[in-house]
N, C-alpha and C. Protein backbone atom coordinates (compact mmCIF):
# COMPACT_ATOMS: atom_id res chain seq x y z
N MET A 1 -8.13 -20.71 4.95
CA MET A 1 -8.67 -20.36 3.60
C MET A 1 -6.72 -19.77 2.53
N VAL A 2 -7.12 -19.28 0.97
CA VAL A 2 -5.55 -19.08 1.61
C VAL A 2 -6.06 -17.63 0.06
N LEU A 3 -5.54 -16.89 0.63
CA LEU A 3 -5.69 -15.56 0.16
C LEU A 3 -4.44 -15.54 -1.25
N SER A 4 -5.68 -14.41 -2.18
CA SER A 4 -5.09 -14.07 -3.00
C SER A 4 -3.92 -12.77 -2.71
N ARG A 5 -3.09 -12.60 -3.75
CA ARG A 5 -2.32 -11.05 -3.17
C ARG A 5 -2.91 -10.25 -3.13
N TYR A 6 -3.97 -9.75 -4.28
CA TYR A 6 -4.60 -7.98 -3.72
C TYR A 6 -4.97 -8.37 -1.83
N GLU A 7 -5.39 -10.17 -2.52
CA GLU A 7 -5.96 -9.93 -0.47
C GLU A 7 -5.65 -9.19 0.35
N SER A 8 -4.94 -9.98 0.40
CA SER A 8 -3.23 -9.78 1.83
C SER A 8 -2.92 -8.57 1.13
N ASP A 9 -3.08 -7.65 0.40
CA ASP A 9 -2.29 -7.08 0.23
C ASP A 9 -3.85 -6.03 0.93
N GLU A 10 -4.98 -5.79 0.43
CA GLU A 10 -5.77 -4.73 1.38
C GLU A 10 -6.05 -5.62 2.82
N GLU A 11 -5.13 -6.52 3.46
CA GLU A 11 -5.63 -6.92 4.59
C GLU A 11 -4.75 -5.98 5.35
N ARG A 12 -3.20 -6.38 4.34
CA ARG A 12 -2.39 -5.65 5.94
C ARG A 12 -2.57 -3.84 5.39
N TRP A 13 -2.63 -3.14 4.00
CA TRP A 13 -2.85 -2.28 4.17
C TRP A 13 -4.62 -2.04 5.51
N LYS A 14 -4.96 -3.07 4.67
CA LYS A 14 -6.30 -2.14 6.30
C LYS A 14 -5.73 -2.02 7.72
N ALA A 15 -5.33 -2.98 8.15
CA ALA A 15 -4.30 -2.56 9.65
C ALA A 15 -3.19 -1.84 9.79
N LEU A 16 -2.73 -1.89 8.98
CA LEU A 16 -1.57 -0.47 8.52
C LEU A 16 -3.01 0.36 8.75
N MET A 17 -3.55 1.02 7.78
CA MET A 17 -4.69 2.13 8.37
C MET A 17 -5.28 2.43 9.61
N ILE A 18 -5.44 1.22 9.61
CA ILE A 18 -6.62 1.00 11.85
C ILE A 18 -4.82 1.91 12.62
N LYS A 19 -3.86 0.78 12.03
CA LYS A 19 -2.70 1.30 13.04
C LYS A 19 -2.58 2.63 13.86
N ALA A 20 -2.21 3.61 11.98
CA ALA A 20 -1.73 4.74 11.83
C ALA A 20 -2.35 6.23 12.57
N GLN A 21 -4.47 5.40 12.30
CA GLN A 21 -5.15 6.14 12.60
C GLN A 21 -4.85 6.19 14.23
N GLY A 22 -4.61 5.69 15.22
CA GLY A 22 -4.73 4.65 16.37
C GLY A 22 -3.11 5.80 17.10
N GLY A 23 -2.41 6.87 15.77
CA GLY A 23 -1.16 7.90 15.98
C GLY A 23 0.35 6.60 15.90
N ASP A 24 0.66 5.89 15.34
CA ASP A 24 1.71 4.88 15.08
C ASP A 24 2.27 5.53 13.27
N GLU A 25 3.43 5.93 13.61
CA GLU A 25 3.46 6.74 13.01
C GLU A 25 4.52 5.49 11.88
N SER A 26 5.34 4.18 12.66
CA SER A 26 6.07 3.81 11.42
C SER A 26 5.22 2.87 10.66
N ALA A 27 3.51 2.44 11.23
CA ALA A 27 2.58 2.30 10.17
C ALA A 27 2.50 2.87 9.49
N TYR A 28 2.08 4.34 9.35
CA TYR A 28 1.83 5.01 8.85
C TYR A 28 3.58 5.38 7.89
N ARG A 29 4.39 5.63 7.97
CA ARG A 29 5.31 5.31 6.86
C ARG A 29 5.40 3.75 6.11
N GLN A 30 5.06 3.87 6.42
CA GLN A 30 5.10 2.54 5.83
C GLN A 30 3.90 1.76 4.73
N LEU A 31 2.90 2.46 5.34
CA LEU A 31 1.48 1.87 4.44
C LEU A 31 1.34 3.49 3.43
N LEU A 32 2.41 4.36 3.47
CA LEU A 32 2.69 5.09 2.16
C LEU A 32 3.80 4.35 1.77
N HIS A 33 4.71 4.72 2.00
CA HIS A 33 5.57 3.44 1.24
C HIS A 33 4.76 2.74 0.87
N GLU A 34 4.38 1.17 0.23
CA GLU A 34 3.90 0.25 -0.16
C GLU A 34 2.80 0.88 -1.53
N LEU A 35 1.81 2.75 -0.88
CA LEU A 35 0.46 3.07 -1.73
C LEU A 35 1.46 2.88 -2.84
N ALA A 36 2.83 4.57 -2.18
CA ALA A 36 3.74 5.50 -3.62
C ALA A 36 3.89 3.84 -4.21
N THR A 37 4.69 2.45 -3.89
CA THR A 37 5.06 1.56 -4.75
C THR A 37 4.02 1.37 -5.75
N VAL A 38 2.33 1.14 -5.28
CA VAL A 38 2.09 0.34 -6.49
C VAL A 38 2.22 1.45 -7.18
N THR A 39 0.92 2.57 -6.45
CA THR A 39 1.12 3.52 -7.23
C THR A 39 1.21 3.99 -8.34
N ARG A 40 3.34 4.09 -7.94
CA ARG A 40 4.58 4.19 -9.30
C ARG A 40 3.49 3.18 -10.19
N ALA A 41 4.38 2.19 -10.12
CA ALA A 41 4.29 1.12 -11.47
C ALA A 41 2.94 0.85 -11.71
N PHE A 42 1.72 1.07 -10.80
CA PHE A 42 0.42 1.51 -12.14
C PHE A 42 0.40 2.87 -13.54
N LEU A 43 0.86 3.77 -13.02
CA LEU A 43 1.02 5.20 -13.55
C LEU A 43 2.53 4.47 -14.86
N ILE A 44 3.51 3.99 -14.64
CA ILE A 44 4.68 3.43 -14.88
C ILE A 44 3.77 2.16 -16.32
N ALA A 45 2.62 0.99 -15.45
CA ALA A 45 2.35 0.35 -16.81
C ALA A 45 1.25 1.15 -17.42
N ARG A 46 0.59 2.27 -16.97
CA ARG A 46 -0.40 3.06 -17.76
C ARG A 46 -0.25 3.99 -18.58
N PHE A 47 0.87 4.30 -19.06
CA PHE A 47 1.57 5.56 -19.04
C PHE A 47 2.90 5.49 -19.86
N GLY A 48 3.72 4.73 -18.55
CA GLY A 48 5.06 4.09 -20.08
C GLY A 48 6.19 4.50 -19.03
N PHE A 49 5.95 5.32 -18.54
CA PHE A 49 7.33 7.26 -17.89
C PHE A 49 6.58 7.06 -16.66
N LEU A 50 7.31 8.35 -15.90
CA LEU A 50 7.35 8.52 -14.79
C LEU A 50 8.03 9.92 -15.12
N SER A 51 7.81 11.46 -15.44
CA SER A 51 8.57 12.26 -15.04
C SER A 51 8.92 12.84 -13.60
């Protein structure tokens, strides 16, 4: 089975969330970094800029 990009992101984020909830600081940092990157890209696409 081949996962789409979005499905693979969701699976990776799910795994990172589980690890982070278990106390894995590195997983938590990585999760926040990835989500911030996606959120930033969404906001730029939606509004055209970030102040």
